[in-house]
């Protein structure tokens, strides 16, 4: 989930998704790399957090881990 989406940002989009679907894995993607951003992502319902620019191998490892635990 891109957290910097226009109109409906990723924080609120995640909250809305979680209101109806608790199982779908969501990884927050943002250019902000502060520990507070990772905490905010988990508070709104994200399962994991990663920073931009996206490193494909790292992101795929996170996706694989979440899918295995689902």
N, C-alpha and C. Protein backbone atom coordinates (compact mmCIF):
# COMPACT_ATOMS: atom_id res chain seq x y z
N UNK A 1 0.84 -1.16 0.00
CA UNK A 1 0.00 0.00 0.00
C UNK A 1 0.89 1.23 0.00
N UNK A 2 0.73 2.07 -1.01
CA UNK A 2 1.44 3.35 -1.04
C UNK A 2 0.75 4.27 -0.05
N UNK A 3 1.48 4.73 0.94
CA UNK A 3 0.88 5.54 2.00
C UNK A 3 0.67 6.99 1.57
N UNK A 4 1.24 7.40 0.45
CA UNK A 4 1.14 8.78 -0.02
C UNK A 4 0.21 8.93 -1.22
N UNK A 5 -0.84 8.14 -1.25
CA UNK A 5 -1.80 8.24 -2.35
C UNK A 5 -2.54 9.57 -2.30
N UNK A 6 -2.89 10.13 -3.46
CA UNK A 6 -3.71 11.34 -3.45
C UNK A 6 -5.17 10.99 -3.12
N UNK A 7 -5.94 11.94 -2.76
CA UNK A 7 -7.36 11.83 -2.43
C UNK A 7 -7.56 11.00 -1.16
N UNK A 8 -7.35 9.70 -1.22
CA UNK A 8 -7.49 8.82 -0.06
C UNK A 8 -6.10 8.24 0.21
N UNK A 9 -5.45 8.71 1.28
CA UNK A 9 -4.09 8.24 1.53
C UNK A 9 -4.09 6.78 1.99
N UNK A 10 -2.92 6.18 1.96
CA UNK A 10 -2.79 4.77 2.30
C UNK A 10 -3.15 4.44 3.73
N UNK A 11 -2.96 5.40 4.64
CA UNK A 11 -3.31 5.18 6.05
C UNK A 11 -4.81 4.93 6.17
N UNK A 12 -5.61 5.81 5.55
CA UNK A 12 -7.07 5.68 5.62
C UNK A 12 -7.56 4.51 4.77
N UNK A 13 -6.95 4.29 3.60
CA UNK A 13 -7.34 3.16 2.76
C UNK A 13 -7.14 1.85 3.52
N UNK A 14 -6.04 1.74 4.24
CA UNK A 14 -5.78 0.54 5.03
C UNK A 14 -6.83 0.37 6.12
N UNK A 15 -7.17 1.45 6.81
CA UNK A 15 -8.21 1.37 7.84
C UNK A 15 -9.52 0.87 7.25
N UNK A 16 -9.87 1.37 6.07
CA UNK A 16 -11.12 0.96 5.43
C UNK A 16 -11.07 -0.51 5.01
N UNK A 17 -9.94 -0.94 4.49
CA UNK A 17 -9.79 -2.36 4.11
C UNK A 17 -9.92 -3.23 5.35
N UNK A 18 -9.26 -2.85 6.42
CA UNK A 18 -9.29 -3.64 7.66
C UNK A 18 -10.69 -3.70 8.27
N UNK A 19 -11.50 -2.72 8.02
CA UNK A 19 -12.86 -2.72 8.54
C UNK A 19 -13.68 -3.88 7.96
N UNK A 20 -13.30 -4.35 6.77
CA UNK A 20 -14.05 -5.43 6.12
C UNK A 20 -13.24 -6.69 5.90
N UNK A 21 -11.91 -6.59 5.93
CA UNK A 21 -11.06 -7.75 5.63
C UNK A 21 -9.85 -7.74 6.55
N UNK A 22 -9.85 -8.64 7.49
CA UNK A 22 -8.74 -8.72 8.46
C UNK A 22 -7.61 -9.62 7.97
N UNK A 23 -7.83 -10.37 6.89
CA UNK A 23 -6.87 -11.40 6.49
C UNK A 23 -5.90 -10.99 5.39
N UNK A 24 -6.31 -10.10 4.50
CA UNK A 24 -5.44 -9.74 3.38
C UNK A 24 -4.15 -9.07 3.89
N UNK A 25 -2.99 -9.56 3.47
CA UNK A 25 -1.74 -8.95 3.92
C UNK A 25 -1.56 -7.55 3.30
N UNK A 26 -1.14 -6.60 4.11
CA UNK A 26 -0.88 -5.24 3.64
C UNK A 26 0.50 -4.82 4.12
N UNK A 27 1.33 -4.39 3.17
CA UNK A 27 2.65 -3.85 3.47
C UNK A 27 2.62 -2.36 3.15
N UNK A 28 2.93 -1.53 4.13
CA UNK A 28 3.00 -0.09 3.93
C UNK A 28 4.27 0.25 3.16
N UNK A 29 4.14 1.08 2.14
CA UNK A 29 5.29 1.58 1.38
C UNK A 29 5.31 3.09 1.47
N UNK A 30 6.42 3.63 1.98
CA UNK A 30 6.52 5.08 2.14
C UNK A 30 7.97 5.52 2.05
N UNK A 31 8.18 6.76 1.68
CA UNK A 31 9.52 7.32 1.64
C UNK A 31 9.99 7.73 3.03
N UNK A 32 9.08 7.76 3.98
CA UNK A 32 9.40 8.14 5.36
C UNK A 32 9.93 6.92 6.10
N UNK A 33 11.14 7.03 6.63
CA UNK A 33 11.78 5.88 7.24
C UNK A 33 11.91 6.00 8.76
N UNK A 34 11.09 6.80 9.37
CA UNK A 34 11.14 6.97 10.81
C UNK A 34 10.48 5.78 11.51
N UNK A 35 10.96 5.45 12.70
CA UNK A 35 10.36 4.37 13.47
C UNK A 35 8.89 4.66 13.75
N UNK A 36 8.56 5.94 13.91
CA UNK A 36 7.16 6.31 14.18
C UNK A 36 6.27 6.01 12.98
N UNK A 37 6.82 6.06 11.77
CA UNK A 37 6.04 5.71 10.58
C UNK A 37 5.73 4.22 10.54
N UNK A 38 6.68 3.40 10.92
CA UNK A 38 6.44 1.95 10.98
C UNK A 38 5.38 1.65 12.03
N UNK A 39 5.45 2.34 13.16
CA UNK A 39 4.46 2.14 14.22
C UNK A 39 3.07 2.60 13.75
N UNK A 40 3.01 3.73 13.07
CA UNK A 40 1.74 4.25 12.55
C UNK A 40 1.13 3.26 11.56
N UNK A 41 1.99 2.64 10.73
CA UNK A 41 1.51 1.67 9.75
C UNK A 41 0.87 0.47 10.44
N UNK A 42 1.50 -0.02 11.47
CA UNK A 42 0.94 -1.16 12.19
C UNK A 42 -0.35 -0.78 12.93
N UNK A 43 -0.39 0.44 13.46
CA UNK A 43 -1.59 0.90 14.16
C UNK A 43 -2.80 1.00 13.23
N UNK A 44 -2.57 1.35 11.97
CA UNK A 44 -3.71 1.48 11.05
C UNK A 44 -4.08 0.16 10.40
N UNK A 45 -3.28 -0.91 10.66
CA UNK A 45 -3.65 -2.23 10.18
C UNK A 45 -2.69 -2.90 9.22
N UNK A 46 -1.57 -2.26 8.93
CA UNK A 46 -0.59 -2.89 8.04
C UNK A 46 0.12 -4.03 8.76
N UNK A 47 0.47 -5.06 8.01
CA UNK A 47 1.18 -6.20 8.56
C UNK A 47 2.68 -6.00 8.58
N UNK A 48 3.17 -5.15 7.68
CA UNK A 48 4.60 -4.91 7.59
C UNK A 48 4.81 -3.52 7.02
N UNK A 49 6.06 -3.11 6.94
CA UNK A 49 6.43 -1.75 6.55
C UNK A 49 7.69 -1.82 5.73
N UNK A 50 7.78 -1.02 4.67
CA UNK A 50 8.99 -0.94 3.88
C UNK A 50 9.12 0.48 3.35
N UNK A 51 10.34 0.86 3.02
CA UNK A 51 10.59 2.22 2.56
C UNK A 51 10.89 2.26 1.07
N UNK A 52 10.62 3.43 0.50
CA UNK A 52 10.96 3.69 -0.89
C UNK A 52 12.34 4.34 -0.89
N UNK A 53 13.12 4.15 -1.93
CA UNK A 53 12.78 3.36 -3.10
C UNK A 53 12.72 1.87 -2.75
N UNK A 54 11.81 1.20 -3.39
CA UNK A 54 11.57 -0.21 -3.11
C UNK A 54 12.72 -1.05 -3.64
N UNK A 55 13.24 -1.90 -2.78
CA UNK A 55 14.23 -2.89 -3.19
C UNK A 55 13.45 -4.18 -3.44
N UNK A 56 13.36 -4.58 -4.68
CA UNK A 56 12.47 -5.66 -5.09
C UNK A 56 12.69 -6.95 -4.29
N UNK A 57 13.93 -7.36 -4.11
CA UNK A 57 14.19 -8.61 -3.39
C UNK A 57 13.67 -8.53 -1.96
N UNK A 58 13.92 -7.40 -1.30
CA UNK A 58 13.46 -7.24 0.08
C UNK A 58 11.94 -7.26 0.15
N UNK A 59 11.28 -6.57 -0.78
CA UNK A 59 9.82 -6.54 -0.80
C UNK A 59 9.25 -7.93 -1.07
N UNK A 60 9.80 -8.64 -2.02
CA UNK A 60 9.31 -9.99 -2.32
C UNK A 60 9.51 -10.94 -1.14
N UNK A 61 10.60 -10.76 -0.40
CA UNK A 61 10.82 -11.58 0.81
C UNK A 61 9.71 -11.31 1.83
N UNK A 62 9.33 -10.05 1.99
CA UNK A 62 8.26 -9.70 2.92
C UNK A 62 6.93 -10.28 2.46
N UNK A 63 6.65 -10.20 1.17
CA UNK A 63 5.41 -10.75 0.62
C UNK A 63 5.37 -12.25 0.86
N UNK A 64 6.46 -12.93 0.54
CA UNK A 64 6.52 -14.38 0.74
C UNK A 64 6.29 -14.76 2.20
N UNK A 65 6.92 -14.03 3.12
CA UNK A 65 6.77 -14.31 4.54
C UNK A 65 5.30 -14.13 4.97
N UNK A 66 4.66 -13.06 4.52
CA UNK A 66 3.27 -12.82 4.90
C UNK A 66 2.33 -13.86 4.31
N UNK A 67 2.58 -14.27 3.08
CA UNK A 67 1.72 -15.28 2.46
C UNK A 67 1.86 -16.65 3.13
N UNK A 68 3.06 -16.96 3.58
CA UNK A 68 3.27 -18.23 4.28
C UNK A 68 2.57 -18.26 5.64
N UNK A 69 2.47 -17.09 6.26
CA UNK A 69 1.84 -17.04 7.58
C UNK A 69 0.34 -16.83 7.51
N UNK A 70 -0.18 -16.61 6.30
CA UNK A 70 -1.64 -16.36 6.16
C UNK A 70 -2.43 -17.64 6.21
